[in-house]
Amino acid sequence: MENLLKNPEVTEIQVVPIKPVNGLVGFASFVLDQSWYFSSIGIFSRPNGSFRLTYPSKKIGSKSIQIFHPIDKEVGQFIEKVVIKKFEEVTNNYARYSSHYSE
């Protein structure tokens, strides 16, 4: 557990851009510390042009229960940084070759 807190490793990052809907611009998955696979992570745009991640939840009645999410702030910020960097790389490459995304 010490490795996770001091030096997390995020690999196999996959992002899928989508046509924006209410701020949702894509989905991501990744492997954490070669031991955990995380998927269905939403990528949302913020009004200032930056991005944020949301983690899956399940609606039970009128209540939403989070399925998983980082509980350590520094690990969460690190994951957000590397996933958003990958998202920006993918969307920049996609926009370069497709006029549909840049519209």
PDB file of N, CA and C in Angstrom:
ATOM      1  N   MET A   1       0.818  -1.190   0.000  1.00  0.00           N
ATOM      2  CA  MET A   1       0.000   0.000   0.000  1.00  0.00           C
ATOM      3  C   MET A   1       0.859   1.249   0.000  1.00  0.00           C
ATOM      4  N   GLU A   2       2.055   1.156   0.563  1.00  0.00           N
ATOM      5  CA  GLU A   2       2.939   2.319   0.619  1.00  0.00           C
ATOM      6  C   GLU A   2       3.276   2.808  -0.781  1.00  0.00           C
ATOM      7  N   ASN A   3       3.503   1.871  -1.733  1.00  0.00           N
ATOM      8  CA  ASN A   3       3.807   2.261  -3.107  1.00  0.00           C
ATOM      9  C   ASN A   3       2.674   3.083  -3.698  1.00  0.00           C
ATOM     10  N   LEU A   4       1.442   2.693  -3.451  1.00  0.00           N
ATOM     11  CA  LEU A   4       0.289   3.394  -3.992  1.00  0.00           C
ATOM     12  C   LEU A   4       0.248   4.835  -3.518  1.00  0.00           C
ATOM     13  N   LEU A   5       0.545   5.066  -2.259  1.00  0.00           N
ATOM     14  CA  LEU A   5       0.462   6.411  -1.716  1.00  0.00           C
ATOM     15  C   LEU A   5       1.642   7.281  -2.146  1.00  0.00           C
ATOM     16  N   LYS A   6       2.814   6.691  -2.295  1.00  0.00           N
ATOM     17  CA  LYS A   6       3.996   7.491  -2.591  1.00  0.00           C
ATOM     18  C   LYS A   6       4.318   7.578  -4.070  1.00  0.00           C
ATOM     19  N   ASN A   7       4.009   6.547  -4.821  1.00  0.00           N
ATOM     20  CA  ASN A   7       4.435   6.518  -6.208  1.00  0.00           C
ATOM     21  C   ASN A   7       3.460   5.692  -7.051  1.00  0.00           C
ATOM     22  N   PRO A   8       2.228   6.175  -7.257  1.00  0.00           N
ATOM     23  CA  PRO A   8       1.272   5.377  -8.033  1.00  0.00           C
ATOM     24  C   PRO A   8       1.717   5.267  -9.489  1.00  0.00           C
ATOM     25  N   GLU A   9       1.403   4.145 -10.095  1.00  0.00           N
ATOM     26  CA  GLU A   9       1.719   3.929 -11.504  1.00  0.00           C
ATOM     27  C   GLU A   9       0.404   3.721 -12.258  1.00  0.00           C
ATOM     28  N   VAL A  10       0.126   4.597 -13.205  1.00  0.00           N
ATOM     29  CA  VAL A  10      -1.075   4.501 -14.023  1.00  0.00           C
ATOM     30  C   VAL A  10      -0.632   4.151 -15.436  1.00  0.00           C
ATOM     31  N   THR A  11      -1.084   3.003 -15.928  1.00  0.00           N
ATOM     32  CA  THR A  11      -0.681   2.529 -17.249  1.00  0.00           C
ATOM     33  C   THR A  11      -1.914   2.116 -18.045  1.00  0.00           C
ATOM     34  N   GLU A  12      -1.685   1.726 -19.276  1.00  0.00           N
ATOM     35  CA  GLU A  12      -2.736   1.227 -20.168  1.00  0.00           C
ATOM     36  C   GLU A  12      -3.945   2.162 -20.206  1.00  0.00           C
ATOM     37  N   ILE A  13      -3.674   3.455 -20.254  1.00  0.00           N
ATOM     38  CA  ILE A  13      -4.751   4.438 -20.280  1.00  0.00           C
ATOM     39  C   ILE A  13      -5.428   4.404 -21.647  1.00  0.00           C
ATOM     40  N   GLN A  14      -6.726   4.225 -21.635  1.00  0.00           N
ATOM     41  CA  GLN A  14      -7.535   4.247 -22.851  1.00  0.00           C
ATOM     42  C   GLN A  14      -8.578   5.344 -22.690  1.00  0.00           C
ATOM     43  N   VAL A  15      -8.729   6.179 -23.696  1.00  0.00           N
ATOM     44  CA  VAL A  15      -9.768   7.206 -23.663  1.00  0.00           C
ATOM     45  C   VAL A  15     -10.602   7.118 -24.931  1.00  0.00           C
ATOM     46  N   VAL A  16     -11.882   7.381 -24.779  1.00  0.00           N
ATOM     47  CA  VAL A  16     -12.805   7.382 -25.901  1.00  0.00           C
ATOM     48  C   VAL A  16     -13.547   8.711 -25.887  1.00  0.00           C
ATOM     49  N   PRO A  17     -13.171   9.627 -26.782  1.00  0.00           N
ATOM     50  CA  PRO A  17     -13.902  10.897 -26.860  1.00  0.00           C
ATOM     51  C   PRO A  17     -15.310  10.647 -27.397  1.00  0.00           C
ATOM     52  N   ILE A  18     -16.266  11.439 -26.942  1.00  0.00           N
ATOM     53  CA  ILE A  18     -17.629  11.352 -27.453  1.00  0.00           C
ATOM     54  C   ILE A  18     -18.095  12.753 -27.835  1.00  0.00           C
ATOM     55  N   LYS A  19     -19.178  12.815 -28.568  1.00  0.00           N
ATOM     56  CA  LYS A  19     -19.784  14.109 -28.854  1.00  0.00           C
ATOM     57  C   LYS A  19     -20.255  14.685 -27.520  1.00  0.00           C
ATOM     58  N   PRO A  20     -19.857  15.901 -27.168  1.00  0.00           N
ATOM     59  CA  PRO A  20     -20.187  16.450 -25.845  1.00  0.00           C
ATOM     60  C   PRO A  20     -21.690  16.458 -25.539  1.00  0.00           C
ATOM     61  N   VAL A  21     -22.012  15.998 -24.313  1.00  0.00           N
ATOM     62  CA  VAL A  21     -23.386  15.971 -23.822  1.00  0.00           C
ATOM     63  C   VAL A  21     -23.371  16.451 -22.376  1.00  0.00           C
ATOM     64  N   ASN A  22     -23.936  17.638 -22.127  1.00  0.00           N
ATOM     65  CA  ASN A  22     -23.994  18.192 -20.766  1.00  0.00           C
ATOM     66  C   ASN A  22     -22.632  18.194 -20.072  1.00  0.00           C
ATOM     67  N   GLY A  23     -21.574  18.486 -20.817  1.00  0.00           N
ATOM     68  CA  GLY A  23     -20.235  18.552 -20.251  1.00  0.00           C
ATOM     69  C   GLY A  23     -19.440  17.261 -20.355  1.00  0.00           C
ATOM     70  N   LEU A  24     -20.122  16.132 -20.556  1.00  0.00           N
ATOM     71  CA  LEU A  24     -19.429  14.855 -20.712  1.00  0.00           C
ATOM     72  C   LEU A  24     -18.786  14.817 -22.084  1.00  0.00           C
ATOM     73  N   VAL A  25     -17.457  14.638 -22.127  1.00  0.00           N
ATOM     74  CA  VAL A  25     -16.738  14.661 -23.406  1.00  0.00           C
ATOM     75  C   VAL A  25     -16.018  13.343 -23.718  1.00  0.00           C
ATOM     76  N   GLY A  26     -16.018  12.398 -22.775  1.00  0.00           N
ATOM     77  CA  GLY A  26     -15.356  11.134 -23.041  1.00  0.00           C
ATOM     78  C   GLY A  26     -15.399  10.192 -21.862  1.00  0.00           C
ATOM     79  N   PHE A  27     -14.839   9.012 -22.103  1.00  0.00           N
ATOM     80  CA  PHE A  27     -14.724   7.988 -21.062  1.00  0.00           C
ATOM     81  C   PHE A  27     -13.287   7.483 -21.029  1.00  0.00           C
ATOM     82  N   ALA A  28     -12.866   6.999 -19.880  1.00  0.00           N
ATOM     83  CA  ALA A  28     -11.499   6.509 -19.727  1.00  0.00           C
ATOM     84  C   ALA A  28     -11.466   5.213 -18.941  1.00  0.00           C
ATOM     85  N   SER A  29     -10.379   4.481 -19.154  1.00  0.00           N
ATOM     86  CA  SER A  29     -10.054   3.315 -18.328  1.00  0.00           C
ATOM     87  C   SER A  29      -8.539   3.298 -18.154  1.00  0.00           C
ATOM     88  N   PHE A  30      -8.072   2.621 -17.117  1.00  0.00           N
ATOM     89  CA  PHE A  30      -6.635   2.521 -16.872  1.00  0.00           C
ATOM     90  C   PHE A  30      -6.341   1.395 -15.895  1.00  0.00           C
ATOM     91  N   VAL A  31      -5.061   1.050 -15.799  1.00  0.00           N
ATOM     92  CA  VAL A  31      -4.578   0.065 -14.831  1.00  0.00           C
ATOM     93  C   VAL A  31      -3.762   0.817 -13.791  1.00  0.00           C
ATOM     94  N   LEU A  32      -4.024   0.544 -12.526  1.00  0.00           N
ATOM     95  CA  LEU A  32      -3.312   1.188 -11.424  1.00  0.00           C
ATOM     96  C   LEU A  32      -2.382   0.178 -10.764  1.00  0.00           C
ATOM     97  N   ASP A  33      -1.116   0.547 -10.693  1.00  0.00           N
ATOM     98  CA  ASP A  33      -0.087  -0.267 -10.045  1.00  0.00           C
ATOM     99  C   ASP A  33      -0.061  -1.720 -10.516  1.00  0.00           C
ATOM    100  N   GLN A  34      -0.303  -1.943 -11.797  1.00  0.00           N
ATOM    101  CA  GLN A  34      -0.264  -3.273 -12.400  1.00  0.00           C
ATOM    102  C   GLN A  34      -1.135  -4.283 -11.663  1.00  0.00           C
ATOM    103  N   SER A  35      -2.128  -3.789 -10.904  1.00  0.00           N
ATOM    104  CA  SER A  35      -2.948  -4.687 -10.096  1.00  0.00           C
ATOM    105  C   SER A  35      -4.447  -4.436 -10.201  1.00  0.00           C
ATOM    106  N   TRP A  36      -4.829  -3.225 -10.569  1.00  0.00           N
ATOM    107  CA  TRP A  36      -6.239  -2.857 -10.546  1.00  0.00           C
ATOM    108  C   TRP A  36      -6.640  -2.256 -11.877  1.00  0.00           C
ATOM    109  N   TYR A  37      -7.751  -2.718 -12.436  1.00  0.00           N
ATOM    110  CA  TYR A  37      -8.286  -2.160 -13.675  1.00  0.00           C
ATOM    111  C   TYR A  37      -9.506  -1.311 -13.332  1.00  0.00           C
ATOM    112  N   PHE A  38      -9.532  -0.070 -13.810  1.00  0.00           N
ATOM    113  CA  PHE A  38     -10.637   0.846 -13.569  1.00  0.00           C
ATOM    114  C   PHE A  38     -11.218   1.271 -14.919  1.00  0.00           C
ATOM    115  N   SER A  39     -12.541   1.287 -15.025  1.00  0.00           N
ATOM    116  CA  SER A  39     -13.171   1.672 -16.285  1.00  0.00           C
ATOM    117  C   SER A  39     -14.434   2.486 -16.034  1.00  0.00           C
ATOM    118  N   SER A  40     -15.029   2.944 -17.113  1.00  0.00           N
ATOM    119  CA  SER A  40     -16.264   3.743 -17.074  1.00  0.00           C
ATOM    120  C   SER A  40     -16.087   5.047 -16.315  1.00  0.00           C
ATOM    121  N   ILE A  41     -14.920   5.642 -16.438  1.00  0.00           N
ATOM    122  CA  ILE A  41     -14.636   6.918 -15.779  1.00  0.00           C
ATOM    123  C   ILE A  41     -15.005   8.027 -16.749  1.00  0.00           C
ATOM    124  N   GLY A  42     -15.880   8.918 -16.315  1.00  0.00           N
ATOM    125  CA  GLY A  42     -16.328  10.014 -17.166  1.00  0.00           C
ATOM    126  C   GLY A  42     -15.316  11.146 -17.185  1.00  0.00           C
ATOM    127  N   ILE A  43     -15.170  11.760 -18.344  1.00  0.00           N
ATOM    128  CA  ILE A  43     -14.331  12.951 -18.485  1.00  0.00           C
ATOM    129  C   ILE A  43     -15.274  14.103 -18.818  1.00  0.00           C
ATOM    130  N   PHE A  44     -15.301  15.102 -17.951  1.00  0.00           N
ATOM    131  CA  PHE A  44     -16.192  16.246 -18.114  1.00  0.00           C
ATOM    132  C   PHE A  44     -15.386  17.519 -18.326  1.00  0.00           C
ATOM    133  N   SER A  45     -15.925  18.410 -19.148  1.00  0.00           N
ATOM    134  CA  SER A  45     -15.297  19.722 -19.322  1.00  0.00           C
ATOM    135  C   SER A  45     -15.807  20.643 -18.217  1.00  0.00           C
ATOM    136  N   ARG A  46     -14.940  21.559 -17.814  1.00  0.00           N
ATOM    137  CA  ARG A  46     -15.302  22.588 -16.842  1.00  0.00           C
ATOM    138  C   ARG A  46     -15.523  23.894 -17.599  1.00  0.00           C
ATOM    139  N   PRO A  47     -16.276  24.836 -17.017  1.00  0.00           N
ATOM    140  CA  PRO A  47     -16.507  26.122 -17.688  1.00  0.00           C
ATOM    141  C   PRO A  47     -15.220  26.868 -18.057  1.00  0.00           C
ATOM    142  N   ASN A  48     -14.140  26.672 -17.284  1.00  0.00           N
ATOM    143  CA  ASN A  48     -12.892  27.381 -17.570  1.00  0.00           C
ATOM    144  C   ASN A  48     -12.050  26.701 -18.656  1.00  0.00           C
ATOM    145  N   GLY A  49     -12.566  25.599 -19.234  1.00  0.00           N
ATOM    146  CA  GLY A  49     -11.857  24.913 -20.311  1.00  0.00           C
ATOM    147  C   GLY A  49     -11.028  23.728 -19.849  1.00  0.00           C
ATOM    148  N   SER A  50     -10.870  23.537 -18.551  1.00  0.00           N
ATOM    149  CA  SER A  50     -10.132  22.376 -18.050  1.00  0.00           C
ATOM    150  C   SER A  50     -11.091  21.174 -17.980  1.00  0.00           C
ATOM    151  N   PHE A  51     -10.592  20.064 -17.473  1.00  0.00           N
ATOM    152  CA  PHE A  51     -11.387  18.836 -17.399  1.00  0.00           C
ATOM    153  C   PHE A  51     -11.340  18.264 -15.989  1.00  0.00           C
ATOM    154  N   ARG A  52     -12.317  17.405 -15.692  1.00  0.00           N
ATOM    155  CA  ARG A  52     -12.361  16.689 -14.421  1.00  0.00           C
ATOM    156  C   ARG A  52     -12.843  15.275 -14.685  1.00  0.00           C
ATOM    157  N   LEU A  53     -12.547  14.381 -13.754  1.00  0.00           N
ATOM    158  CA  LEU A  53     -12.981  12.993 -13.872  1.00  0.00           C
ATOM    159  C   LEU A  53     -14.139  12.729 -12.929  1.00  0.00           C
ATOM    160  N   THR A  54     -15.031  11.849 -13.347  1.00  0.00           N
ATOM    161  CA  THR A  54     -16.080  11.355 -12.458  1.00  0.00           C
ATOM    162  C   THR A  54     -16.010   9.837 -12.464  1.00  0.00           C
ATOM    163  N   TYR A  55     -16.301   9.257 -11.331  1.00  0.00           N
ATOM    164  CA  TYR A  55     -16.214   7.814 -11.188  1.00  0.00           C
ATOM    165  C   TYR A  55     -17.611   7.208 -11.164  1.00  0.00           C
ATOM    166  N   PRO A  56     -17.741   5.941 -11.585  1.00  0.00           N
ATOM    167  CA  PRO A  56     -19.056   5.325 -11.719  1.00  0.00           C
ATOM    168  C   PRO A  56     -19.836   5.267 -10.405  1.00  0.00           C
ATOM    169  N   SER A  57     -21.133   5.387 -10.554  1.00  0.00           N
ATOM    170  CA  SER A  57     -22.029   5.221  -9.409  1.00  0.00           C
ATOM    171  C   SER A  57     -23.221   4.400  -9.859  1.00  0.00           C
ATOM    172  N   LYS A  58     -23.945   3.883  -8.897  1.00  0.00           N
ATOM    173  CA  LYS A  58     -25.134   3.090  -9.189  1.00  0.00           C
ATOM    174  C   LYS A  58     -26.293   3.733  -8.458  1.00  0.00           C
ATOM    175  N   LYS A  59     -27.386   3.925  -9.163  1.00  0.00           N
ATOM    176  CA  LYS A  59     -28.563   4.536  -8.561  1.00  0.00           C
ATOM    177  C   LYS A  59     -29.407   3.440  -7.917  1.00  0.00           C
ATOM    178  N   ILE A  60     -29.667   3.603  -6.635  1.00  0.00           N
ATOM    179  CA  ILE A  60     -30.520   2.676  -5.895  1.00  0.00           C
ATOM    180  C   ILE A  60     -31.658   3.508  -5.324  1.00  0.00           C
ATOM    181  N   GLY A  61     -32.821   3.361  -5.913  1.00  0.00           N
ATOM    182  CA  GLY A  61     -33.932   4.225  -5.541  1.00  0.00           C
ATOM    183  C   GLY A  61     -33.605   5.644  -5.953  1.00  0.00           C
ATOM    184  N   SER A  62     -33.651   6.551  -5.003  1.00  0.00           N
ATOM    185  CA  SER A  62     -33.324   7.948  -5.311  1.00  0.00           C
ATOM    186  C   SER A  62     -31.892   8.300  -4.898  1.00  0.00           C
ATOM    187  N   LYS A  63     -31.155   7.312  -4.450  1.00  0.00           N
ATOM    188  CA  LYS A  63     -29.801   7.535  -3.941  1.00  0.00           C
ATOM    189  C   LYS A  63     -28.750   6.997  -4.910  1.00  0.00           C
ATOM    190  N   SER A  64     -27.658   7.759  -5.102  1.00  0.00           N
ATOM    191  CA  SER A  64     -26.535   7.290  -5.909  1.00  0.00           C
ATOM    192  C   SER A  64     -25.426   6.799  -4.988  1.00  0.00           C
ATOM    193  N   ILE A  65     -24.969   5.583  -5.246  1.00  0.00           N
ATOM    194  CA  ILE A  65     -23.894   4.966  -4.466  1.00  0.00           C
ATOM    195  C   ILE A  65     -22.660   4.875  -5.356  1.00  0.00           C
ATOM    196  N   GLN A  66     -21.539   5.433  -4.890  1.00  0.00           N
ATOM    197  CA  GLN A  66     -20.309   5.350  -5.676  1.00  0.00           C
ATOM    198  C   GLN A  66     -19.769   3.928  -5.662  1.00  0.00           C
ATOM    199  N   ILE A  67     -19.379   3.463  -6.846  1.00  0.00           N
ATOM    200  CA  ILE A  67     -18.830   2.110  -6.974  1.00  0.00           C
ATOM    201  C   ILE A  67     -17.366   2.092  -6.565  1.00  0.00           C
ATOM    202  N   PHE A  68     -16.593   3.055  -7.058  1.00  0.00           N
ATOM    203  CA  PHE A  68     -15.201   3.214  -6.646  1.00  0.00           C
ATOM    204  C   PHE A  68     -14.771   4.638  -6.930  1.00  0.00           C
ATOM    205  N   HIS A  69     -13.759   5.091  -6.212  1.00  0.00           N
ATOM    206  CA  HIS A  69     -13.171   6.415  -6.414  1.00  0.00           C
ATOM    207  C   HIS A  69     -11.935   6.513  -5.534  1.00  0.00           C
ATOM    208  N   PRO A  70     -10.985   7.379  -5.896  1.00  0.00           N
ATOM    209  CA  PRO A  70      -9.800   7.552  -5.046  1.00  0.00           C
ATOM    210  C   PRO A  70     -10.206   8.216  -3.722  1.00  0.00           C
ATOM    211  N   ILE A  71      -9.673   7.725  -2.622  1.00  0.00           N
ATOM    212  CA  ILE A  71      -9.949   8.360  -1.338  1.00  0.00           C
ATOM    213  C   ILE A  71      -8.763   9.191  -0.873  1.00  0.00           C
ATOM    214  N   ASP A  72      -7.623   9.010  -1.510  1.00  0.00           N
ATOM    215  CA  ASP A  72      -6.444   9.814  -1.216  1.00  0.00           C
ATOM    216  C   ASP A  72      -6.396  10.954  -2.233  1.00  0.00           C
ATOM    217  N   LYS A  73      -6.435  12.189  -1.758  1.00  0.00           N
ATOM    218  CA  LYS A  73      -6.497  13.358  -2.630  1.00  0.00           C
ATOM    219  C   LYS A  73      -5.331  13.411  -3.609  1.00  0.00           C
ATOM    220  N   GLU A  74      -4.119  13.136  -3.133  1.00  0.00           N
ATOM    221  CA  GLU A  74      -2.949  13.211  -4.004  1.00  0.00           C
ATOM    222  C   GLU A  74      -2.994  12.149  -5.101  1.00  0.00           C
ATOM    223  N   VAL A  75      -3.427  10.945  -4.763  1.00  0.00           N
ATOM    224  CA  VAL A  75      -3.544   9.890  -5.768  1.00  0.00           C
ATOM    225  C   VAL A  75      -4.620  10.274  -6.783  1.00  0.00           C
ATOM    226  N   GLY A  76      -5.751  10.796  -6.302  1.00  0.00           N
ATOM    227  CA  GLY A  76      -6.817  11.233  -7.198  1.00  0.00           C
ATOM    228  C   GLY A  76      -6.351  12.316  -8.152  1.00  0.00           C
ATOM    229  N   GLN A  77      -5.591  13.274  -7.656  1.00  0.00           N
ATOM    230  CA  GLN A  77      -5.076  14.351  -8.507  1.00  0.00           C
ATOM    231  C   GLN A  77      -4.075  13.818  -9.526  1.00  0.00           C
ATOM    232  N   PHE A  78      -3.248  12.866  -9.101  1.00  0.00           N
ATOM    233  CA  PHE A  78      -2.278  12.265 -10.018  1.00  0.00           C
ATOM    234  C   PHE A  78      -3.005  11.527 -11.141  1.00  0.00           C
ATOM    235  N   ILE A  79      -4.001  10.719 -10.791  1.00  0.00           N
ATOM    236  CA  ILE A  79      -4.777   9.978 -11.797  1.00  0.00           C
ATOM    237  C   ILE A  79      -5.430  10.963 -12.759  1.00  0.00           C
ATOM    238  N   GLU A  80      -6.054  12.004 -12.224  1.00  0.00           N
ATOM    239  CA  GLU A  80      -6.703  12.999 -13.069  1.00  0.00           C
ATOM    240  C   GLU A  80      -5.707  13.628 -14.041  1.00  0.00           C
ATOM    241  N   LYS A  81      -4.541  13.959 -13.554  1.00  0.00           N
ATOM    242  CA  LYS A  81      -3.521  14.599 -14.388  1.00  0.00           C
ATOM    243  C   LYS A  81      -3.106  13.710 -15.556  1.00  0.00           C
ATOM    244  N   VAL A  82      -2.802  12.441 -15.296  1.00  0.00           N
ATOM    245  CA  VAL A  82      -2.305  11.582 -16.373  1.00  0.00           C
ATOM    246  C   VAL A  82      -3.416  11.172 -17.332  1.00  0.00           C
ATOM    247  N   VAL A  83      -4.627  10.961 -16.825  1.00  0.00           N
ATOM    248  CA  VAL A  83      -5.739  10.581 -17.701  1.00  0.00           C
ATOM    249  C   VAL A  83      -6.128  11.759 -18.592  1.00  0.00           C
ATOM    250  N   ILE A  84      -6.205  12.953 -18.029  1.00  0.00           N
ATOM    251  CA  ILE A  84      -6.569  14.127 -18.829  1.00  0.00           C
ATOM    252  C   ILE A  84      -5.482  14.447 -19.852  1.00  0.00           C
ATOM    253  N   LYS A  85      -4.231  14.244 -19.490  1.00  0.00           N
ATOM    254  CA  LYS A  85      -3.145  14.448 -20.459  1.00  0.00           C
ATOM    255  C   LYS A  85      -3.334  13.510 -21.657  1.00  0.00           C
ATOM    256  N   LYS A  86      -3.655  12.259 -21.395  1.00  0.00           N
ATOM    257  CA  LYS A  86      -3.893  11.290 -22.465  1.00  0.00           C
ATOM    258  C   LYS A  86      -5.117  11.695 -23.287  1.00  0.00           C
ATOM    259  N   PHE A  87      -6.190  12.146 -22.619  1.00  0.00           N
ATOM    260  CA  PHE A  87      -7.387  12.596 -23.318  1.00  0.00           C
ATOM    261  C   PHE A  87      -7.061  13.754 -24.260  1.00  0.00           C
ATOM    262  N   GLU A  88      -6.292  14.713 -23.779  1.00  0.00           N
ATOM    263  CA  GLU A  88      -5.927  15.866 -24.612  1.00  0.00           C
ATOM    264  C   GLU A  88      -5.065  15.448 -25.800  1.00  0.00           C
ATOM    265  N   GLU A  89      -4.155  14.494 -25.597  1.00  0.00           N
ATOM    266  CA  GLU A  89      -3.345  13.988 -26.709  1.00  0.00           C
ATOM    267  C   GLU A  89      -4.230  13.341 -27.763  1.00  0.00           C
ATOM    268  N   VAL A  90      -5.158  12.504 -27.322  1.00  0.00           N
ATOM    269  CA  VAL A  90      -6.039  11.799 -28.252  1.00  0.00           C
ATOM    270  C   VAL A  90      -6.934  12.778 -28.997  1.00  0.00           C
ATOM    271  N   THR A  91      -7.546  13.705 -28.282  1.00  0.00           N
ATOM    272  CA  THR A  91      -8.467  14.631 -28.948  1.00  0.00           C
ATOM    273  C   THR A  91      -7.720  15.603 -29.859  1.00  0.00           C
ATOM    274  N   ASN A  92      -6.510  15.999 -29.501  1.00  0.00           N
ATOM    275  CA  ASN A  92      -5.723  16.861 -30.391  1.00  0.00           C
ATOM    276  C   ASN A  92      -5.382  16.122 -31.680  1.00  0.00           C
ATOM    277  N   ASN A  93      -5.008  14.864 -31.571  1.00  0.00           N
ATOM    278  CA  ASN A  93      -4.718  14.064 -32.764  1.00  0.00           C
ATOM    279  C   ASN A  93      -5.977  13.845 -33.581  1.00  0.00           C
ATOM    280  N   TYR A  94      -7.089  13.592 -32.910  1.00  0.00           N
ATOM    281  CA  TYR A  94      -8.357  13.348 -33.601  1.00  0.00           C
ATOM    282  C   TYR A  94      -8.807  14.604 -34.338  1.00  0.00           C
ATOM    283  N   ALA A  95      -8.722  15.756 -33.680  1.00  0.00           N
ATOM    284  CA  ALA A  95      -9.142  17.019 -34.290  1.00  0.00           C
ATOM    285  C   ALA A  95      -8.271  17.361 -35.499  1.00  0.00           C
ATOM    286  N   ARG A  96      -7.031  16.962 -35.448  1.00  0.00           N
ATOM    287  CA  ARG A  96      -6.108  17.245 -36.548  1.00  0.00           C
ATOM    288  C   ARG A  96      -6.536  16.518 -37.822  1.00  0.00           C
ATOM    289  N   TYR A  97      -7.128  15.323 -37.670  1.00  0.00           N
ATOM    290  CA  TYR A  97      -7.471  14.501 -38.825  1.00  0.00           C
ATOM    291  C   TYR A  97      -8.965  14.475 -39.142  1.00  0.00           C
ATOM    292  N   SER A  98      -9.780  15.078 -38.288  1.00  0.00           N
ATOM    293  CA  SER A  98     -11.220  15.032 -38.504  1.00  0.00           C
ATOM    294  C   SER A  98     -11.856  16.380 -38.213  1.00  0.00           C
ATOM    295  N   SER A  99     -12.541  16.908 -39.173  1.00  0.00           N
ATOM    296  CA  SER A  99     -13.213  18.189 -38.952  1.00  0.00           C
ATOM    297  C   SER A  99     -14.461  18.018 -38.094  1.00  0.00           C
ATOM    298  N   HIS A 100     -14.946  16.796 -37.930  1.00  0.00           N
ATOM    299  CA  HIS A 100     -16.159  16.563 -37.143  1.00  0.00           C
ATOM    300  C   HIS A 100     -15.963  16.889 -35.668  1.00  0.00           C
ATOM    301  N   TYR A 101     -14.821  16.533 -35.104  1.00  0.00           N
ATOM    302  CA  TYR A 101     -14.617  16.760 -33.664  1.00  0.00           C
ATOM    303  C   TYR A 101     -14.400  18.239 -33.359  1.00  0.00           C
ATOM    304  N   SER A 102     -13.750  18.945 -34.256  1.00  0.00           N
ATOM    305  CA  SER A 102     -13.418  20.333 -33.987  1.00  0.00           C
ATOM    306  C   SER A 102     -14.606  21.266 -34.169  1.00  0.00           C
ATOM    307  N   GLU A 103     -15.709  20.784 -34.687  1.00  0.00           N
ATOM    308  CA  GLU A 103     -16.892  21.648 -34.881  1.00  0.00           C
ATOM    309  C   GLU A 103     -17.662  21.819 -33.610  1.00  0.00           C
TER     310      GLU A 103
END
